[in-house]
Amino acid sequence: MSQATFYHAGCTVCVDAEQMILNYLDKAKTTTEIVHLGTDPNRITEAEKLGVESVPALVIDGNVYHINFGASLKDVKG
């Protein structure tokens, strides 16, 4: 089974992408985790190590897909 992690910061772009993209993933083939970096900032380092540069981003089996530009991780860090 594939692992998908959706990283976002809660902005409108991120929430819209989450609702749209995650509905298309086959739940029978993919385990999905949603990480809100605004409420869980200790996961920012994890996202960076995976190659996430901006949010919203979807990581599937280690491959990063930047969906739309909502905010850079530098902006999320504050």
PDB file of N, CA and C in Angstrom:
ATOM      1  N   MET A   1       0.842  -1.174   0.000  1.00  0.00           N
ATOM      2  CA  MET A   1       0.000   0.000   0.000  1.00  0.00           C
ATOM      3  C   MET A   1       0.892   1.242   0.000  1.00  0.00           C
ATOM      4  N   SER A   2       0.505   2.232  -0.780  1.00  0.00           N
ATOM      5  CA  SER A   2       1.249   3.478  -0.864  1.00  0.00           C
ATOM      6  C   SER A   2       0.948   4.363   0.336  1.00  0.00           C
ATOM      7  N   GLN A   3       1.933   5.197   0.695  1.00  0.00           N
ATOM      8  CA  GLN A   3       1.759   6.164   1.775  1.00  0.00           C
ATOM      9  C   GLN A   3       1.752   7.558   1.174  1.00  0.00           C
ATOM     10  N   ALA A   4       0.711   8.329   1.461  1.00  0.00           N
ATOM     11  CA  ALA A   4       0.609   9.707   0.997  1.00  0.00           C
ATOM     12  C   ALA A   4       0.507  10.624   2.206  1.00  0.00           C
ATOM     13  N   THR A   5       1.327  11.675   2.201  1.00  0.00           N
ATOM     14  CA  THR A   5       1.256  12.681   3.255  1.00  0.00           C
ATOM     15  C   THR A   5       1.016  14.024   2.604  1.00  0.00           C
ATOM     16  N   PHE A   6      -0.043  14.683   3.023  1.00  0.00           N
ATOM     17  CA  PHE A   6      -0.408  15.984   2.492  1.00  0.00           C
ATOM     18  C   PHE A   6      -0.003  17.038   3.517  1.00  0.00           C
ATOM     19  N   TYR A   7       0.957  17.899   3.142  1.00  0.00           N
ATOM     20  CA  TYR A   7       1.428  18.956   4.019  1.00  0.00           C
ATOM     21  C   TYR A   7       0.766  20.268   3.618  1.00  0.00           C
ATOM     22  N   HIS A   8       0.265  20.986   4.620  1.00  0.00           N
ATOM     23  CA  HIS A   8      -0.323  22.295   4.340  1.00  0.00           C
ATOM     24  C   HIS A   8      -0.196  23.194   5.559  1.00  0.00           C
ATOM     25  N   ALA A   9      -0.560  24.470   5.385  1.00  0.00           N
ATOM     26  CA  ALA A   9      -0.449  25.438   6.469  1.00  0.00           C
ATOM     27  C   ALA A   9      -1.783  26.070   6.826  1.00  0.00           C
ATOM     28  N   GLY A  10      -2.859  25.542   6.290  1.00  0.00           N
ATOM     29  CA  GLY A  10      -4.177  26.020   6.645  1.00  0.00           C
ATOM     30  C   GLY A  10      -4.716  27.169   5.818  1.00  0.00           C
ATOM     31  N   CYS A  11      -3.938  27.657   4.868  1.00  0.00           N
ATOM     32  CA  CYS A  11      -4.409  28.766   4.037  1.00  0.00           C
ATOM     33  C   CYS A  11      -5.510  28.273   3.093  1.00  0.00           C
ATOM     34  N   THR A  12      -6.199  29.195   2.480  1.00  0.00           N
ATOM     35  CA  THR A  12      -7.301  28.859   1.579  1.00  0.00           C
ATOM     36  C   THR A  12      -6.849  27.966   0.432  1.00  0.00           C
ATOM     37  N   VAL A  13      -5.692  28.290  -0.161  1.00  0.00           N
ATOM     38  CA  VAL A  13      -5.148  27.478  -1.258  1.00  0.00           C
ATOM     39  C   VAL A  13      -4.915  26.050  -0.781  1.00  0.00           C
ATOM     40  N   CYS A  14      -4.347  25.913   0.419  1.00  0.00           N
ATOM     41  CA  CYS A  14      -4.040  24.586   0.957  1.00  0.00           C
ATOM     42  C   CYS A  14      -5.297  23.770   1.226  1.00  0.00           C
ATOM     43  N   VAL A  15      -6.273  24.396   1.850  1.00  0.00           N
ATOM     44  CA  VAL A  15      -7.514  23.686   2.192  1.00  0.00           C
ATOM     45  C   VAL A  15      -8.257  23.269   0.929  1.00  0.00           C
ATOM     46  N   ASP A  16      -8.314  24.137  -0.049  1.00  0.00           N
ATOM     47  CA  ASP A  16      -8.952  23.786  -1.318  1.00  0.00           C
ATOM     48  C   ASP A  16      -8.241  22.607  -1.987  1.00  0.00           C
ATOM     49  N   ALA A  17      -6.901  22.650  -1.994  1.00  0.00           N
ATOM     50  CA  ALA A  17      -6.124  21.563  -2.599  1.00  0.00           C
ATOM     51  C   ALA A  17      -6.345  20.262  -1.841  1.00  0.00           C
ATOM     52  N   GLU A  18      -6.359  20.334  -0.528  1.00  0.00           N
ATOM     53  CA  GLU A  18      -6.593  19.132   0.277  1.00  0.00           C
ATOM     54  C   GLU A  18      -7.925  18.492  -0.093  1.00  0.00           C
ATOM     55  N   GLN A  19      -8.968  19.270  -0.112  1.00  0.00           N
ATOM     56  CA  GLN A  19     -10.292  18.731  -0.416  1.00  0.00           C
ATOM     57  C   GLN A  19     -10.363  18.158  -1.821  1.00  0.00           C
ATOM     58  N   MET A  20      -9.736  18.813  -2.764  1.00  0.00           N
ATOM     59  CA  MET A  20      -9.805  18.387  -4.164  1.00  0.00           C
ATOM     60  C   MET A  20      -8.921  17.157  -4.422  1.00  0.00           C
ATOM     61  N   ILE A  21      -7.665  17.240  -4.053  1.00  0.00           N
ATOM     62  CA  ILE A  21      -6.690  16.194  -4.382  1.00  0.00           C
ATOM     63  C   ILE A  21      -6.954  14.896  -3.616  1.00  0.00           C
ATOM     64  N   LEU A  22      -7.174  14.992  -2.337  1.00  0.00           N
ATOM     65  CA  LEU A  22      -7.299  13.778  -1.535  1.00  0.00           C
ATOM     66  C   LEU A  22      -8.534  12.957  -1.894  1.00  0.00           C
ATOM     67  N   ASN A  23      -9.540  13.595  -2.444  1.00  0.00           N
ATOM     68  CA  ASN A  23     -10.721  12.846  -2.880  1.00  0.00           C
ATOM     69  C   ASN A  23     -10.410  11.937  -4.067  1.00  0.00           C
ATOM     70  N   TYR A  24      -9.354  12.225  -4.793  1.00  0.00           N
ATOM     71  CA  TYR A  24      -9.007  11.437  -5.977  1.00  0.00           C
ATOM     72  C   TYR A  24      -8.106  10.244  -5.662  1.00  0.00           C
ATOM     73  N   LEU A  25      -7.523  10.207  -4.482  1.00  0.00           N
ATOM     74  CA  LEU A  25      -6.657   9.078  -4.140  1.00  0.00           C
ATOM     75  C   LEU A  25      -7.497   7.852  -3.822  1.00  0.00           C
ATOM     76  N   ASP A  26      -7.074   6.717  -4.325  1.00  0.00           N
ATOM     77  CA  ASP A  26      -7.774   5.460  -4.096  1.00  0.00           C
ATOM     78  C   ASP A  26      -7.477   4.986  -2.677  1.00  0.00           C
ATOM     79  N   LYS A  27      -8.479   5.043  -1.813  1.00  0.00           N
ATOM     80  CA  LYS A  27      -8.301   4.680  -0.408  1.00  0.00           C
ATOM     81  C   LYS A  27      -7.979   3.195  -0.220  1.00  0.00           C
ATOM     82  N   ALA A  28      -8.268   2.386  -1.213  1.00  0.00           N
ATOM     83  CA  ALA A  28      -7.937   0.964  -1.145  1.00  0.00           C
ATOM     84  C   ALA A  28      -6.454   0.723  -1.424  1.00  0.00           C
ATOM     85  N   LYS A  29      -5.788   1.710  -2.032  1.00  0.00           N
ATOM     86  CA  LYS A  29      -4.383   1.569  -2.397  1.00  0.00           C
ATOM     87  C   LYS A  29      -3.452   2.523  -1.659  1.00  0.00           C
ATOM     88  N   THR A  30      -4.024   3.508  -0.963  1.00  0.00           N
ATOM     89  CA  THR A  30      -3.206   4.563  -0.383  1.00  0.00           C
ATOM     90  C   THR A  30      -3.631   4.874   1.046  1.00  0.00           C
ATOM     91  N   THR A  31      -2.657   4.877   1.942  1.00  0.00           N
ATOM     92  CA  THR A  31      -2.869   5.361   3.300  1.00  0.00           C
ATOM     93  C   THR A  31      -2.517   6.837   3.302  1.00  0.00           C
ATOM     94  N   THR A  32      -3.419   7.672   3.811  1.00  0.00           N
ATOM     95  CA  THR A  32      -3.236   9.111   3.738  1.00  0.00           C
ATOM     96  C   THR A  32      -3.103   9.733   5.121  1.00  0.00           C
ATOM     97  N   GLU A  33      -2.160  10.659   5.235  1.00  0.00           N
ATOM     98  CA  GLU A  33      -1.995  11.445   6.459  1.00  0.00           C
ATOM     99  C   GLU A  33      -2.023  12.914   6.063  1.00  0.00           C
ATOM    100  N   ILE A  34      -2.716  13.719   6.832  1.00  0.00           N
ATOM    101  CA  ILE A  34      -2.767  15.158   6.601  1.00  0.00           C
ATOM    102  C   ILE A  34      -1.989  15.840   7.722  1.00  0.00           C
ATOM    103  N   VAL A  35      -1.014  16.671   7.342  1.00  0.00           N
ATOM    104  CA  VAL A  35      -0.181  17.365   8.316  1.00  0.00           C
ATOM    105  C   VAL A  35      -0.369  18.870   8.145  1.00  0.00           C
ATOM    106  N   HIS A  36      -0.935  19.493   9.151  1.00  0.00           N
ATOM    107  CA  HIS A  36      -1.131  20.953   9.175  1.00  0.00           C
ATOM    108  C   HIS A  36       0.094  21.535   9.881  1.00  0.00           C
ATOM    109  N   LEU A  37       0.999  22.120   9.115  1.00  0.00           N
ATOM    110  CA  LEU A  37       2.256  22.620   9.667  1.00  0.00           C
ATOM    111  C   LEU A  37       2.058  23.839  10.557  1.00  0.00           C
ATOM    112  N   GLY A  38       0.935  24.501  10.437  1.00  0.00           N
ATOM    113  CA  GLY A  38       0.645  25.629  11.318  1.00  0.00           C
ATOM    114  C   GLY A  38       0.345  25.190  12.744  1.00  0.00           C
ATOM    115  N   THR A  39      -0.306  24.044  12.884  1.00  0.00           N
ATOM    116  CA  THR A  39      -0.633  23.527  14.210  1.00  0.00           C
ATOM    117  C   THR A  39       0.347  22.451  14.678  1.00  0.00           C
ATOM    118  N   ASP A  40       1.186  21.968  13.778  1.00  0.00           N
ATOM    119  CA  ASP A  40       2.176  20.944  14.117  1.00  0.00           C
ATOM    120  C   ASP A  40       3.532  21.343  13.527  1.00  0.00           C
ATOM    121  N   PRO A  41       4.094  22.479  13.975  1.00  0.00           N
ATOM    122  CA  PRO A  41       5.328  23.001  13.377  1.00  0.00           C
ATOM    123  C   PRO A  41       6.554  22.109  13.557  1.00  0.00           C
ATOM    124  N   ASN A  42       6.506  21.177  14.495  1.00  0.00           N
ATOM    125  CA  ASN A  42       7.642  20.269  14.663  1.00  0.00           C
ATOM    126  C   ASN A  42       7.794  19.322  13.482  1.00  0.00           C
ATOM    127  N   ARG A  43       6.823  19.283  12.579  1.00  0.00           N
ATOM    128  CA  ARG A  43       6.907  18.427  11.388  1.00  0.00           C
ATOM    129  C   ARG A  43       7.520  19.154  10.185  1.00  0.00           C
ATOM    130  N   ILE A  44       7.832  20.448  10.339  1.00  0.00           N
ATOM    131  CA  ILE A  44       8.429  21.210   9.238  1.00  0.00           C
ATOM    132  C   ILE A  44       9.767  20.616   8.825  1.00  0.00           C
ATOM    133  N   THR A  45      10.602  20.264   9.772  1.00  0.00           N
ATOM    134  CA  THR A  45      11.907  19.666   9.464  1.00  0.00           C
ATOM    135  C   THR A  45      11.740  18.372   8.677  1.00  0.00           C
ATOM    136  N   GLU A  46      10.777  17.566   9.066  1.00  0.00           N
ATOM    137  CA  GLU A  46      10.475  16.320   8.342  1.00  0.00           C
ATOM    138  C   GLU A  46      10.115  16.626   6.889  1.00  0.00           C
ATOM    139  N   ALA A  47       9.240  17.614   6.705  1.00  0.00           N
ATOM    140  CA  ALA A  47       8.818  17.991   5.350  1.00  0.00           C
ATOM    141  C   ALA A  47      10.019  18.461   4.525  1.00  0.00           C
ATOM    142  N   GLU A  48      10.875  19.275   5.120  1.00  0.00           N
ATOM    143  CA  GLU A  48      12.067  19.759   4.420  1.00  0.00           C
ATOM    144  C   GLU A  48      12.973  18.614   3.991  1.00  0.00           C
ATOM    145  N   LYS A  49      13.168  17.654   4.873  1.00  0.00           N
ATOM    146  CA  LYS A  49      14.035  16.503   4.567  1.00  0.00           C
ATOM    147  C   LYS A  49      13.476  15.682   3.404  1.00  0.00           C
ATOM    148  N   LEU A  50      12.165  15.683   3.256  1.00  0.00           N
ATOM    149  CA  LEU A  50      11.532  14.951   2.153  1.00  0.00           C
ATOM    150  C   LEU A  50      11.606  15.714   0.837  1.00  0.00           C
ATOM    151  N   GLY A  51      11.935  17.024   0.915  1.00  0.00           N
ATOM    152  CA  GLY A  51      12.040  17.827  -0.297  1.00  0.00           C
ATOM    153  C   GLY A  51      10.901  18.806  -0.502  1.00  0.00           C
ATOM    154  N   VAL A  52      10.025  18.933   0.486  1.00  0.00           N
ATOM    155  CA  VAL A  52       8.935  19.897   0.386  1.00  0.00           C
ATOM    156  C   VAL A  52       9.526  21.297   0.508  1.00  0.00           C
ATOM    157  N   GLU A  53       9.206  22.150  -0.463  1.00  0.00           N
ATOM    158  CA  GLU A  53       9.705  23.524  -0.464  1.00  0.00           C
ATOM    159  C   GLU A  53       8.595  24.540  -0.237  1.00  0.00           C
ATOM    160  N   SER A  54       7.371  24.142  -0.545  1.00  0.00           N
ATOM    161  CA  SER A  54       6.222  25.024  -0.348  1.00  0.00           C
ATOM    162  C   SER A  54       4.999  24.160  -0.094  1.00  0.00           C
ATOM    163  N   VAL A  55       3.987  24.798   0.445  1.00  0.00           N
ATOM    164  CA  VAL A  55       2.730  24.098   0.692  1.00  0.00           C
ATOM    165  C   VAL A  55       1.621  24.783  -0.085  1.00  0.00           C
ATOM    166  N   PRO A  56       0.642  24.027  -0.517  1.00  0.00           N
ATOM    167  CA  PRO A  56       0.389  22.618  -0.241  1.00  0.00           C
ATOM    168  C   PRO A  56       1.304  21.705  -1.059  1.00  0.00           C
ATOM    169  N   ALA A  57       1.627  20.583  -0.455  1.00  0.00           N
ATOM    170  CA  ALA A  57       2.448  19.587  -1.136  1.00  0.00           C
ATOM    171  C   ALA A  57       1.964  18.195  -0.739  1.00  0.00           C
ATOM    172  N   LEU A  58       2.040  17.300  -1.674  1.00  0.00           N
ATOM    173  CA  LEU A  58       1.667  15.915  -1.446  1.00  0.00           C
ATOM    174  C   LEU A  58       2.896  15.059  -1.669  1.00  0.00           C
ATOM    175  N   VAL A  59       3.212  14.226  -0.690  1.00  0.00           N
ATOM    176  CA  VAL A  59       4.333  13.300  -0.805  1.00  0.00           C
ATOM    177  C   VAL A  59       3.750  11.896  -0.874  1.00  0.00           C
ATOM    178  N   ILE A  60       4.012  11.226  -1.992  1.00  0.00           N
ATOM    179  CA  ILE A  60       3.541   9.854  -2.166  1.00  0.00           C
ATOM    180  C   ILE A  60       4.748   8.955  -2.344  1.00  0.00           C
ATOM    181  N   ASP A  61       4.904   8.040  -1.413  1.00  0.00           N
ATOM    182  CA  ASP A  61       6.020   7.089  -1.446  1.00  0.00           C
ATOM    183  C   ASP A  61       7.360   7.790  -1.683  1.00  0.00           C
ATOM    184  N   GLY A  62       7.559   8.923  -1.015  1.00  0.00           N
ATOM    185  CA  GLY A  62       8.828   9.649  -1.100  1.00  0.00           C
ATOM    186  C   GLY A  62       8.939  10.624  -2.255  1.00  0.00           C
ATOM    187  N   ASN A  63       7.961  10.673  -3.146  1.00  0.00           N
ATOM    188  CA  ASN A  63       7.973  11.610  -4.272  1.00  0.00           C
ATOM    189  C   ASN A  63       7.139  12.835  -3.912  1.00  0.00           C
ATOM    190  N   VAL A  64       7.739  14.018  -4.067  1.00  0.00           N
ATOM    191  CA  VAL A  64       7.070  15.268  -3.686  1.00  0.00           C
ATOM    192  C   VAL A  64       6.363  15.879  -4.888  1.00  0.00           C
ATOM    193  N   TYR A  65       5.113  16.258  -4.666  1.00  0.00           N
ATOM    194  CA  TYR A  65       4.322  16.942  -5.681  1.00  0.00           C
ATOM    195  C   TYR A  65       3.843  18.266  -5.097  1.00  0.00           C
ATOM    196  N   HIS A  66       4.413  19.359  -5.597  1.00  0.00           N
ATOM    197  CA  HIS A  66       3.978  20.685  -5.176  1.00  0.00           C
ATOM    198  C   HIS A  66       2.747  21.036  -5.999  1.00  0.00           C
ATOM    199  N   ILE A  67       1.635  21.216  -5.331  1.00  0.00           N
ATOM    200  CA  ILE A  67       0.353  21.328  -6.003  1.00  0.00           C
ATOM    201  C   ILE A  67       0.075  22.738  -6.493  1.00  0.00           C
ATOM    202  N   ASN A  68       0.265  23.693  -5.652  1.00  0.00           N
ATOM    203  CA  ASN A  68       0.030  25.099  -5.983  1.00  0.00           C
ATOM    204  C   ASN A  68       0.856  25.877  -4.971  1.00  0.00           C
ATOM    205  N   PHE A  69       1.157  27.091  -5.260  1.00  0.00           N
ATOM    206  CA  PHE A  69       1.992  27.834  -4.326  1.00  0.00           C
ATOM    207  C   PHE A  69       1.124  28.614  -3.356  1.00  0.00           C
ATOM    208  N   GLY A  70       1.039  28.093  -2.109  1.00  0.00           N
ATOM    209  CA  GLY A  70       0.328  28.793  -1.067  1.00  0.00           C
ATOM    210  C   GLY A  70       1.290  29.577  -0.202  1.00  0.00           C
ATOM    211  N   ALA A  71       2.389  28.915   0.215  1.00  0.00           N
ATOM    212  CA  ALA A  71       3.413  29.554   1.046  1.00  0.00           C
ATOM    213  C   ALA A  71       4.671  28.720   1.002  1.00  0.00           C
ATOM    214  N   SER A  72       5.814  29.380   1.052  1.00  0.00           N
ATOM    215  CA  SER A  72       7.075  28.648   1.141  1.00  0.00           C
ATOM    216  C   SER A  72       7.227  28.134   2.565  1.00  0.00           C
ATOM    217  N   LEU A  73       8.039  27.103   2.761  1.00  0.00           N
ATOM    218  CA  LEU A  73       8.270  26.610   4.112  1.00  0.00           C
ATOM    219  C   LEU A  73       8.962  27.665   4.953  1.00  0.00           C
ATOM    220  N   LYS A  74       9.767  28.508   4.340  1.00  0.00           N
ATOM    221  CA  LYS A  74      10.400  29.620   5.076  1.00  0.00           C
ATOM    222  C   LYS A  74       9.325  30.529   5.680  1.00  0.00           C
ATOM    223  N   ASP A  75       8.270  30.800   4.926  1.00  0.00           N
ATOM    224  CA  ASP A  75       7.173  31.633   5.433  1.00  0.00           C
ATOM    225  C   ASP A  75       6.413  30.909   6.551  1.00  0.00           C
ATOM    226  N   VAL A  76       6.246  29.622   6.419  1.00  0.00           N
ATOM    227  CA  VAL A  76       5.524  28.844   7.422  1.00  0.00           C
ATOM    228  C   VAL A  76       6.288  28.837   8.736  1.00  0.00           C
ATOM    229  N   LYS A  77       7.631  28.769   8.640  1.00  0.00           N
ATOM    230  CA  LYS A  77       8.471  28.784   9.844  1.00  0.00           C
ATOM    231  C   LYS A  77       8.322  30.098  10.615  1.00  0.00           C
ATOM    232  N   GLY A  78       8.051  31.157   9.861  1.00  0.00           N
ATOM    233  CA  GLY A  78       7.878  32.462  10.482  1.00  0.00           C
ATOM    234  C   GLY A  78       9.136  33.180  10.570  1.00  0.00           C
TER     235      GLY A  78
END
